[in-house]
Amino acid sequence: MDTFIRFTNQTQGRDRLFRATQYTCMLLRYLLEPKAGKEKVVLKLKKLETSVSTGRKYKRDSYLG
């Protein structure tokens, strides 16, 4: 657990974690879109993906200046 906390306390570690979350949402959305009855889940995944992407963008911009 200590290793995970040290990893996420680093800027690069947080970005990797958020990127992994973003790409996992994209993959799940891709796999669930053709399935009937999964529209609500797909919509939630899309919103989460967008939020994580926006957060990564703002964090990246704040580090650059």
N, C-alpha and C. Protein backbone atom coordinates (compact mmCIF):
# COMPACT_ATOMS: atom_id res chain seq x y z
N MET A 1 0.82 -1.19 0.00
CA MET A 1 0.00 0.00 0.00
C MET A 1 0.87 1.25 0.00
N ASP A 2 1.96 1.23 0.75
CA ASP A 2 2.86 2.38 0.79
C ASP A 2 3.44 2.68 -0.59
N THR A 3 3.73 1.63 -1.33
CA THR A 3 4.26 1.82 -2.69
C THR A 3 3.23 2.52 -3.56
N PHE A 4 1.97 2.12 -3.46
CA PHE A 4 0.91 2.75 -4.24
C PHE A 4 0.78 4.23 -3.88
N ILE A 5 0.82 4.54 -2.60
CA ILE A 5 0.70 5.93 -2.15
C ILE A 5 1.87 6.77 -2.65
N ARG A 6 3.09 6.24 -2.54
CA ARG A 6 4.26 6.97 -3.07
C ARG A 6 4.13 7.19 -4.57
N PHE A 7 3.65 6.16 -5.29
CA PHE A 7 3.49 6.26 -6.74
C PHE A 7 2.49 7.34 -7.11
N THR A 8 1.34 7.37 -6.43
CA THR A 8 0.31 8.35 -6.78
C THR A 8 0.65 9.75 -6.32
N ASN A 9 1.58 9.89 -5.37
CA ASN A 9 2.00 11.22 -4.93
C ASN A 9 2.92 11.89 -5.95
N GLN A 10 3.43 11.15 -6.89
CA GLN A 10 4.27 11.71 -7.93
C GLN A 10 3.39 12.18 -9.08
N THR A 11 3.76 13.26 -9.70
CA THR A 11 2.99 13.82 -10.81
C THR A 11 2.84 12.80 -11.94
N GLN A 12 3.92 12.18 -12.30
CA GLN A 12 3.88 11.22 -13.39
C GLN A 12 3.04 10.00 -13.00
N GLY A 13 3.10 9.59 -11.76
CA GLY A 13 2.31 8.45 -11.29
C GLY A 13 0.83 8.74 -11.35
N ARG A 14 0.44 9.94 -10.93
CA ARG A 14 -0.98 10.31 -11.01
C ARG A 14 -1.46 10.34 -12.45
N ASP A 15 -0.65 10.89 -13.34
CA ASP A 15 -1.04 10.96 -14.74
C ASP A 15 -1.21 9.56 -15.32
N ARG A 16 -0.31 8.66 -14.97
CA ARG A 16 -0.43 7.28 -15.47
C ARG A 16 -1.69 6.60 -14.95
N LEU A 17 -2.02 6.85 -13.69
CA LEU A 17 -3.23 6.28 -13.11
C LEU A 17 -4.47 6.83 -13.81
N PHE A 18 -4.52 8.13 -14.02
CA PHE A 18 -5.66 8.74 -14.71
C PHE A 18 -5.74 8.28 -16.17
N ARG A 19 -4.60 8.15 -16.82
CA ARG A 19 -4.59 7.68 -18.20
C ARG A 19 -5.10 6.24 -18.28
N ALA A 20 -4.68 5.41 -17.35
CA ALA A 20 -5.16 4.02 -17.32
C ALA A 20 -6.67 3.99 -17.10
N THR A 21 -7.18 4.85 -16.22
CA THR A 21 -8.62 4.93 -15.99
C THR A 21 -9.34 5.38 -17.25
N GLN A 22 -8.81 6.38 -17.91
CA GLN A 22 -9.42 6.91 -19.14
C GLN A 22 -9.47 5.83 -20.21
N TYR A 23 -8.37 5.13 -20.43
CA TYR A 23 -8.33 4.13 -21.47
C TYR A 23 -9.17 2.90 -21.13
N THR A 24 -9.29 2.59 -19.84
CA THR A 24 -10.16 1.49 -19.42
C THR A 24 -11.61 1.83 -19.72
N CYS A 25 -12.00 3.06 -19.46
CA CYS A 25 -13.37 3.51 -19.78
C CYS A 25 -13.62 3.40 -21.28
N MET A 26 -12.63 3.81 -22.07
CA MET A 26 -12.78 3.73 -23.53
C MET A 26 -12.97 2.28 -23.97
N LEU A 27 -12.17 1.37 -23.42
CA LEU A 27 -12.25 -0.04 -23.79
C LEU A 27 -13.60 -0.64 -23.38
N LEU A 28 -14.03 -0.38 -22.16
CA LEU A 28 -15.31 -0.90 -21.70
C LEU A 28 -16.47 -0.37 -22.52
N ARG A 29 -16.39 0.91 -22.84
CA ARG A 29 -17.44 1.51 -23.68
C ARG A 29 -17.50 0.84 -25.04
N TYR A 30 -16.34 0.61 -25.62
CA TYR A 30 -16.25 -0.05 -26.93
C TYR A 30 -16.85 -1.45 -26.87
N LEU A 31 -16.59 -2.16 -25.77
CA LEU A 31 -17.09 -3.52 -25.65
C LEU A 31 -18.58 -3.58 -25.34
N LEU A 32 -19.10 -2.57 -24.64
CA LEU A 32 -20.49 -2.59 -24.22
C LEU A 32 -21.45 -1.90 -25.19
N GLU A 33 -20.96 -1.04 -26.06
CA GLU A 33 -21.85 -0.29 -26.96
C GLU A 33 -22.76 -1.18 -27.80
N PRO A 34 -22.27 -2.27 -28.38
CA PRO A 34 -23.16 -3.07 -29.22
C PRO A 34 -24.20 -3.89 -28.43
N LYS A 35 -24.06 -3.97 -27.14
CA LYS A 35 -24.97 -4.78 -26.32
C LYS A 35 -26.24 -3.98 -26.01
N ALA A 36 -27.37 -4.66 -26.15
CA ALA A 36 -28.65 -4.03 -25.86
C ALA A 36 -28.82 -3.91 -24.34
N GLY A 37 -29.42 -2.82 -23.91
CA GLY A 37 -29.70 -2.61 -22.50
C GLY A 37 -28.54 -2.05 -21.70
N LYS A 38 -27.46 -1.68 -22.34
CA LYS A 38 -26.29 -1.15 -21.64
C LYS A 38 -26.09 0.34 -21.88
N GLU A 39 -27.13 1.01 -22.34
CA GLU A 39 -27.00 2.42 -22.71
C GLU A 39 -26.63 3.30 -21.51
N LYS A 40 -27.23 3.03 -20.34
CA LYS A 40 -26.93 3.85 -19.16
C LYS A 40 -25.48 3.68 -18.72
N VAL A 41 -25.01 2.44 -18.76
CA VAL A 41 -23.63 2.18 -18.35
C VAL A 41 -22.66 2.84 -19.33
N VAL A 42 -22.96 2.74 -20.62
CA VAL A 42 -22.11 3.35 -21.65
C VAL A 42 -22.08 4.86 -21.47
N LEU A 43 -23.22 5.45 -21.17
CA LEU A 43 -23.28 6.90 -20.95
C LEU A 43 -22.44 7.31 -19.73
N LYS A 44 -22.52 6.55 -18.65
CA LYS A 44 -21.72 6.85 -17.45
C LYS A 44 -20.23 6.70 -17.73
N LEU A 45 -19.86 5.67 -18.48
CA LEU A 45 -18.45 5.48 -18.84
C LEU A 45 -17.95 6.63 -19.70
N LYS A 46 -18.80 7.09 -20.62
CA LYS A 46 -18.42 8.20 -21.49
C LYS A 46 -18.21 9.48 -20.67
N LYS A 47 -19.09 9.72 -19.71
CA LYS A 47 -18.95 10.90 -18.85
C LYS A 47 -17.69 10.82 -18.00
N LEU A 48 -17.43 9.63 -17.45
CA LEU A 48 -16.22 9.46 -16.65
C LEU A 48 -14.97 9.65 -17.49
N GLU A 49 -14.98 9.09 -18.69
CA GLU A 49 -13.84 9.24 -19.59
C GLU A 49 -13.59 10.72 -19.91
N THR A 50 -14.65 11.45 -20.18
CA THR A 50 -14.53 12.87 -20.49
C THR A 50 -14.00 13.65 -19.29
N SER A 51 -14.50 13.34 -18.11
CA SER A 51 -14.05 14.03 -16.90
C SER A 51 -12.56 13.78 -16.63
N VAL A 52 -12.15 12.53 -16.76
CA VAL A 52 -10.75 12.19 -16.52
C VAL A 52 -9.86 12.86 -17.56
N SER A 53 -10.31 12.87 -18.81
CA SER A 53 -9.54 13.50 -19.88
C SER A 53 -9.38 15.00 -19.63
N THR A 54 -10.46 15.64 -19.23
CA THR A 54 -10.42 17.07 -18.94
C THR A 54 -9.51 17.35 -17.75
N GLY A 55 -9.62 16.53 -16.72
CA GLY A 55 -8.75 16.70 -15.54
C GLY A 55 -7.29 16.54 -15.89
N ARG A 56 -6.97 15.55 -16.72
CA ARG A 56 -5.59 15.36 -17.16
C ARG A 56 -5.09 16.57 -17.92
N LYS A 57 -5.95 17.13 -18.77
CA LYS A 57 -5.57 18.29 -19.58
C LYS A 57 -5.27 19.49 -18.67
N TYR A 58 -6.16 19.74 -17.71
CA TYR A 58 -5.95 20.87 -16.81
C TYR A 58 -4.71 20.69 -15.95
N LYS A 59 -4.48 19.48 -15.47
CA LYS A 59 -3.30 19.22 -14.66
C LYS A 59 -2.04 19.41 -15.49
N ARG A 60 -2.06 18.90 -16.72
CA ARG A 60 -0.90 19.03 -17.61
C ARG A 60 -0.62 20.50 -17.89
N ASP A 61 -1.66 21.27 -18.16
CA ASP A 61 -1.48 22.71 -18.43
C ASP A 61 -0.97 23.46 -17.21
N SER A 62 -1.42 23.06 -16.02
CA SER A 62 -0.96 23.75 -14.81
C SER A 62 0.51 23.46 -14.52
N TYR A 63 0.99 22.27 -14.92
CA TYR A 63 2.40 21.94 -14.70
C TYR A 63 3.30 22.69 -15.69
N LEU A 64 2.75 22.99 -16.86
CA LEU A 64 3.56 23.64 -17.89
C LEU A 64 3.70 25.13 -17.66
N GLY A 65 2.80 25.70 -16.90
CA GLY A 65 2.97 27.12 -16.63
C GLY A 65 1.73 27.79 -16.52
